[in-house]
Amino acid sequence: MPTRYTPYYQGTTLTRIEEERQANDRSERGEYAFYGARLVRYSGAPLMSEGNLELKFDIDGTLISASHTERAVQESDIAAIRGRASLLRNHALAQHATTTHGH
């Protein structure tokens, strides 16, 4: 799916990523918040359904709350967001390392 994302850093530490995905002729947004390498919060459109998804994790990666405006949160929703967060985080860090290398 076509995606634009904007990473935000505090110093060299990635703190959050805002994402805009194009799906089914509409734009969907999501925001991923990180504490170190850990995803600690996701808020926005689910990857596999409509509505709004809110996930919160503790610093060990344990899910502490989950809500979906349209239905019960499925394990597949959580796994999809964790995977997407990891992909975006790795890409953002690689890009950041490339653009800041030598500066």
C-alpha atoms as a PDB file:
ATOM      1  CA  MET A   1       0.000   0.000   0.000  1.00  0.00           C
ATOM      2  CA  PRO A   2       1.336   3.467  -0.814  1.00  0.00           C
ATOM      3  CA  THR A   3       2.566   5.085   2.384  1.00  0.00           C
ATOM      4  CA  ARG A   4       4.097   8.314   3.587  1.00  0.00           C
ATOM      5  CA  TYR A   5       5.538   8.511   7.049  1.00  0.00           C
ATOM      6  CA  THR A   6       7.260  11.120   9.163  1.00  0.00           C
ATOM      7  CA  PRO A   7       9.648  10.041  11.924  1.00  0.00           C
ATOM      8  CA  TYR A   8      10.259  12.253  14.962  1.00  0.00           C
ATOM      9  CA  TYR A   9      13.451  12.117  17.006  1.00  0.00           C
ATOM     10  CA  GLN A  10      14.643  13.403  20.335  1.00  0.00           C
ATOM     11  CA  GLY A  11      18.345  13.711  19.669  1.00  0.00           C
ATOM     12  CA  THR A  12      19.188  10.448  17.927  1.00  0.00           C
ATOM     13  CA  THR A  13      16.318   8.515  19.550  1.00  0.00           C
ATOM     14  CA  LEU A  14      13.240   7.786  17.464  1.00  0.00           C
ATOM     15  CA  THR A  15      10.196   8.733  19.560  1.00  0.00           C
ATOM     16  CA  ARG A  16       7.269   8.424  17.157  1.00  0.00           C
ATOM     17  CA  ILE A  17       6.215   7.912  13.576  1.00  0.00           C
ATOM     18  CA  GLU A  18       3.175   9.425  11.890  1.00  0.00           C
ATOM     19  CA  GLU A  19       1.992   7.411   8.908  1.00  0.00           C
ATOM     20  CA  GLU A  20      -0.482   8.079   6.107  1.00  0.00           C
ATOM     21  CA  ARG A  21      -1.556   5.061   4.061  1.00  0.00           C
ATOM     22  CA  GLN A  22      -3.579   5.059   0.848  1.00  0.00           C
ATOM     23  CA  ALA A  23      -6.101   2.218   0.879  1.00  0.00           C
ATOM     24  CA  ASN A  24      -9.316   1.694  -1.035  1.00  0.00           C
ATOM     25  CA  ASP A  25      -9.303   5.236  -2.465  1.00  0.00           C
ATOM     26  CA  ARG A  26      -9.034   6.834   0.959  1.00  0.00           C
ATOM     27  CA  SER A  27      -6.326   8.024   3.268  1.00  0.00           C
ATOM     28  CA  GLU A  28      -5.783   6.298   6.604  1.00  0.00           C
ATOM     29  CA  ARG A  29      -3.574   7.615   9.387  1.00  0.00           C
ATOM     30  CA  GLY A  30      -1.732   6.042  12.246  1.00  0.00           C
ATOM     31  CA  GLU A  31       0.705   7.159  14.906  1.00  0.00           C
ATOM     32  CA  TYR A  32       3.272   4.879  16.520  1.00  0.00           C
ATOM     33  CA  ALA A  33       4.998   5.953  19.748  1.00  0.00           C
ATOM     34  CA  PHE A  34       8.251   4.328  20.863  1.00  0.00           C
ATOM     35  CA  TYR A  35      10.216   4.097  24.080  1.00  0.00           C
ATOM     36  CA  GLY A  36      13.673   3.062  22.977  1.00  0.00           C
ATOM     37  CA  ALA A  37      13.151   0.167  20.590  1.00  0.00           C
ATOM     38  CA  ARG A  38       9.712  -0.678  22.012  1.00  0.00           C
ATOM     39  CA  LEU A  39       6.360   0.230  20.548  1.00  0.00           C
ATOM     40  CA  VAL A  40       4.412   1.690  23.479  1.00  0.00           C
ATOM     41  CA  ARG A  41       1.335   3.086  21.705  1.00  0.00           C
ATOM     42  CA  TYR A  42      -0.516   2.955  18.428  1.00  0.00           C
ATOM     43  CA  SER A  43      -3.456   5.157  17.552  1.00  0.00           C
ATOM     44  CA  GLY A  44      -5.200   5.279  14.207  1.00  0.00           C
ATOM     45  CA  ALA A  45      -6.704   3.210  11.450  1.00  0.00           C
ATOM     46  CA  PRO A  46      -6.292  -0.563  11.726  1.00  0.00           C
ATOM     47  CA  LEU A  47      -4.393  -2.270   8.913  1.00  0.00           C
ATOM     48  CA  MET A  48      -7.049  -4.862   8.132  1.00  0.00           C
ATOM     49  CA  SER A  49     -10.371  -3.177   8.900  1.00  0.00           C
ATOM     50  CA  GLU A  50     -12.099   0.161   9.238  1.00  0.00           C
ATOM     51  CA  GLY A  51     -12.615   2.281  12.335  1.00  0.00           C
ATOM     52  CA  ASN A  52     -10.088   3.427  14.875  1.00  0.00           C
ATOM     53  CA  LEU A  53      -7.661   1.272  16.826  1.00  0.00           C
ATOM     54  CA  GLU A  54      -5.922   2.199  20.069  1.00  0.00           C
ATOM     55  CA  LEU A  55      -3.210  -0.032  21.510  1.00  0.00           C
ATOM     56  CA  LYS A  56      -1.014   0.608  24.544  1.00  0.00           C
ATOM     57  CA  PHE A  57       1.958  -1.493  25.619  1.00  0.00           C
ATOM     58  CA  ASP A  58       4.216  -1.347  28.660  1.00  0.00           C
ATOM     59  CA  ILE A  59       7.971  -0.923  28.240  1.00  0.00           C
ATOM     60  CA  ASP A  60       8.385  -4.710  28.172  1.00  0.00           C
ATOM     61  CA  GLY A  61       6.080  -4.947  25.134  1.00  0.00           C
ATOM     62  CA  THR A  62       3.095  -6.399  27.003  1.00  0.00           C
ATOM     63  CA  LEU A  63      -0.291  -5.196  25.756  1.00  0.00           C
ATOM     64  CA  ILE A  64      -1.988  -3.240  28.545  1.00  0.00           C
ATOM     65  CA  SER A  65      -5.050  -1.869  26.719  1.00  0.00           C
ATOM     66  CA  ALA A  66      -6.724  -2.247  23.346  1.00  0.00           C
ATOM     67  CA  SER A  67      -9.853  -0.772  21.806  1.00  0.00           C
ATOM     68  CA  HIS A  68     -11.466  -0.690  18.377  1.00  0.00           C
ATOM     69  CA  THR A  69     -14.416   1.526  17.470  1.00  0.00           C
ATOM     70  CA  GLU A  70     -16.075  -1.080  15.232  1.00  0.00           C
ATOM     71  CA  ARG A  71     -15.530  -4.435  16.966  1.00  0.00           C
ATOM     72  CA  ALA A  72     -13.451  -6.388  19.459  1.00  0.00           C
ATOM     73  CA  VAL A  73      -9.672  -6.143  18.946  1.00  0.00           C
ATOM     74  CA  GLN A  74      -8.317  -9.302  17.330  1.00  0.00           C
ATOM     75  CA  GLU A  75      -4.862 -10.799  17.898  1.00  0.00           C
ATOM     76  CA  SER A  76      -4.323 -10.326  14.149  1.00  0.00           C
ATOM     77  CA  ASP A  77      -4.840  -6.534  14.588  1.00  0.00           C
ATOM     78  CA  ILE A  78      -2.162  -6.440  17.279  1.00  0.00           C
ATOM     79  CA  ALA A  79       0.291  -8.598  15.313  1.00  0.00           C
ATOM     80  CA  ALA A  80      -0.206  -6.492  12.167  1.00  0.00           C
ATOM     81  CA  ILE A  81       0.492  -3.239  14.027  1.00  0.00           C
ATOM     82  CA  ARG A  82       3.559  -4.688  15.786  1.00  0.00           C
ATOM     83  CA  GLY A  83       4.940  -5.867  12.440  1.00  0.00           C
ATOM     84  CA  ARG A  84       4.185  -2.566  10.711  1.00  0.00           C
ATOM     85  CA  ALA A  85       5.759  -0.604  13.579  1.00  0.00           C
ATOM     86  CA  SER A  86       8.915  -2.700  13.352  1.00  0.00           C
ATOM     87  CA  LEU A  87       9.139  -2.245   9.582  1.00  0.00           C
ATOM     88  CA  LEU A  88       8.625   1.526   9.744  1.00  0.00           C
ATOM     89  CA  ARG A  89      10.992   1.906  12.704  1.00  0.00           C
ATOM     90  CA  ASN A  90      13.768  -0.041  10.968  1.00  0.00           C
ATOM     91  CA  HIS A  91      13.309   1.944   7.768  1.00  0.00           C
ATOM     92  CA  ALA A  92      13.269   5.284   9.603  1.00  0.00           C
ATOM     93  CA  LEU A  93      16.412   4.433  11.578  1.00  0.00           C
ATOM     94  CA  ALA A  94      18.243   3.272   8.459  1.00  0.00           C
ATOM     95  CA  GLN A  95      17.331   6.471   6.633  1.00  0.00           C
ATOM     96  CA  HIS A  96      18.305   8.587   9.638  1.00  0.00           C
ATOM     97  CA  ALA A  97      21.689   6.835   9.909  1.00  0.00           C
ATOM     98  CA  THR A  98      22.304   7.391   6.192  1.00  0.00           C
ATOM     99  CA  THR A  99      21.394  11.082   6.235  1.00  0.00           C
ATOM    100  CA  THR A 100      23.274  11.880   9.459  1.00  0.00           C
ATOM    101  CA  HIS A 101      26.382   9.805   8.718  1.00  0.00           C
ATOM    102  CA  GLY A 102      29.347  12.118   8.457  1.00  0.00           C
ATOM    103  CA  HIS A 103      27.575  15.228   9.801  1.00  0.00           C
END
